[in-house]
Amino acid sequence: MDSSQNPAAAGTTPAVPTVNDRMRAAGLSAERIAVHAEAQAIWLDGELITDLDQPAPPGTRLVFGRH
């Protein structure tokens, strides 16, 4: 693998996805994400999400619903 295929070797770090990024990647529409956010029904590792631009790195767990 050369440096163009390995961000660490190229001296760059991949961007950490946000909650919104991960939800969009999972196939949710912007409208559906807004519905969950307005209902205060998005949790990241047990913490209520109030900012969809909050980092949500791989390995964290997103949960939908009321706790």
C-alpha atoms as a PDB file:
ATOM      1  CA  MET A   1       0.000   0.000   0.000  1.00  0.00           C
ATOM      2  CA  ASP A   2       1.510   3.350  -0.977  1.00  0.00           C
ATOM      3  CA  SER A   3       0.949   6.662   0.833  1.00  0.00           C
ATOM      4  CA  SER A   4      -1.975   7.562  -1.447  1.00  0.00           C
ATOM      5  CA  GLN A   5      -3.871   4.600  -0.027  1.00  0.00           C
ATOM      6  CA  ASN A   6      -2.788   5.038   3.588  1.00  0.00           C
ATOM      7  CA  PRO A   7      -3.717   8.409   5.135  1.00  0.00           C
ATOM      8  CA  ALA A   8      -1.397   7.871   8.113  1.00  0.00           C
ATOM      9  CA  ALA A   9       1.584   7.347   5.816  1.00  0.00           C
ATOM     10  CA  ALA A  10       0.704  10.511   3.919  1.00  0.00           C
ATOM     11  CA  GLY A  11       0.725  12.505   7.166  1.00  0.00           C
ATOM     12  CA  THR A  12      -3.020  13.156   7.172  1.00  0.00           C
ATOM     13  CA  THR A  13      -5.673  11.901   9.506  1.00  0.00           C
ATOM     14  CA  PRO A  14      -9.085  10.859   8.217  1.00  0.00           C
ATOM     15  CA  ALA A  15     -11.861  13.199   9.339  1.00  0.00           C
ATOM     16  CA  VAL A  16     -13.893  11.952  12.278  1.00  0.00           C
ATOM     17  CA  PRO A  17     -17.514  11.504  11.181  1.00  0.00           C
ATOM     18  CA  THR A  18     -20.228  13.472  12.929  1.00  0.00           C
ATOM     19  CA  VAL A  19     -23.517  12.107  14.226  1.00  0.00           C
ATOM     20  CA  ASN A  20     -25.169  13.547  11.108  1.00  0.00           C
ATOM     21  CA  ASP A  21     -22.556  11.935   8.830  1.00  0.00           C
ATOM     22  CA  ARG A  22     -23.112   8.523  10.379  1.00  0.00           C
ATOM     23  CA  MET A  23     -26.899   8.804  10.225  1.00  0.00           C
ATOM     24  CA  ARG A  24     -26.779   9.856   6.553  1.00  0.00           C
ATOM     25  CA  ALA A  25     -24.379   6.983   5.812  1.00  0.00           C
ATOM     26  CA  ALA A  26     -26.907   4.630   7.421  1.00  0.00           C
ATOM     27  CA  GLY A  27     -29.487   5.816   4.885  1.00  0.00           C
ATOM     28  CA  LEU A  28     -31.566   8.247   6.933  1.00  0.00           C
ATOM     29  CA  SER A  29     -32.843  11.319   5.118  1.00  0.00           C
ATOM     30  CA  ALA A  30     -32.226  14.812   6.449  1.00  0.00           C
ATOM     31  CA  GLU A  31     -35.951  15.039   7.237  1.00  0.00           C
ATOM     32  CA  ARG A  32     -35.934  11.806   9.246  1.00  0.00           C
ATOM     33  CA  ILE A  33     -32.837  12.873  11.145  1.00  0.00           C
ATOM     34  CA  ALA A  34     -34.578  16.167  12.007  1.00  0.00           C
ATOM     35  CA  VAL A  35     -37.609  14.279  13.343  1.00  0.00           C
ATOM     36  CA  HIS A  36     -35.406  12.180  15.658  1.00  0.00           C
ATOM     37  CA  ALA A  37     -33.434  15.254  16.767  1.00  0.00           C
ATOM     38  CA  GLU A  38     -36.560  17.285  17.535  1.00  0.00           C
ATOM     39  CA  ALA A  39     -37.921  14.374  19.558  1.00  0.00           C
ATOM     40  CA  GLN A  40     -34.652  14.251  21.527  1.00  0.00           C
ATOM     41  CA  ALA A  41     -34.357  10.622  20.546  1.00  0.00           C
ATOM     42  CA  ILE A  42     -30.727  10.262  19.436  1.00  0.00           C
ATOM     43  CA  TRP A  43     -28.172   8.871  21.864  1.00  0.00           C
ATOM     44  CA  LEU A  44     -24.434   8.378  21.405  1.00  0.00           C
ATOM     45  CA  ASP A  45     -22.875   5.954  23.869  1.00  0.00           C
ATOM     46  CA  GLY A  46     -25.665   6.690  26.360  1.00  0.00           C
ATOM     47  CA  GLU A  47     -25.522  10.487  26.065  1.00  0.00           C
ATOM     48  CA  LEU A  48     -28.394  12.491  24.566  1.00  0.00           C
ATOM     49  CA  ILE A  49     -27.329  14.220  21.349  1.00  0.00           C
ATOM     50  CA  THR A  50     -28.215  17.899  21.053  1.00  0.00           C
ATOM     51  CA  ASP A  51     -25.701  18.745  18.311  1.00  0.00           C
ATOM     52  CA  LEU A  52     -25.779  16.683  15.108  1.00  0.00           C
ATOM     53  CA  ASP A  53     -22.280  17.997  14.309  1.00  0.00           C
ATOM     54  CA  GLN A  54     -20.861  16.288  17.387  1.00  0.00           C
ATOM     55  CA  PRO A  55     -18.062  13.851  16.509  1.00  0.00           C
ATOM     56  CA  ALA A  56     -19.180  10.227  16.407  1.00  0.00           C
ATOM     57  CA  PRO A  57     -16.039   8.222  15.709  1.00  0.00           C
ATOM     58  CA  PRO A  58     -16.183   4.608  14.556  1.00  0.00           C
ATOM     59  CA  GLY A  59     -16.747   2.321  17.511  1.00  0.00           C
ATOM     60  CA  THR A  60     -19.286   4.602  19.196  1.00  0.00           C
ATOM     61  CA  ARG A  61     -22.903   3.482  19.340  1.00  0.00           C
ATOM     62  CA  LEU A  62     -25.841   5.501  18.052  1.00  0.00           C
ATOM     63  CA  VAL A  63     -29.253   4.596  19.473  1.00  0.00           C
ATOM     64  CA  PHE A  64     -32.664   5.971  18.532  1.00  0.00           C
ATOM     65  CA  GLY A  65     -35.525   6.216  21.010  1.00  0.00           C
ATOM     66  CA  ARG A  66     -36.340   7.598  24.401  1.00  0.00           C
ATOM     67  CA  HIS A  67     -34.421   6.441  27.471  1.00  0.00           C
END
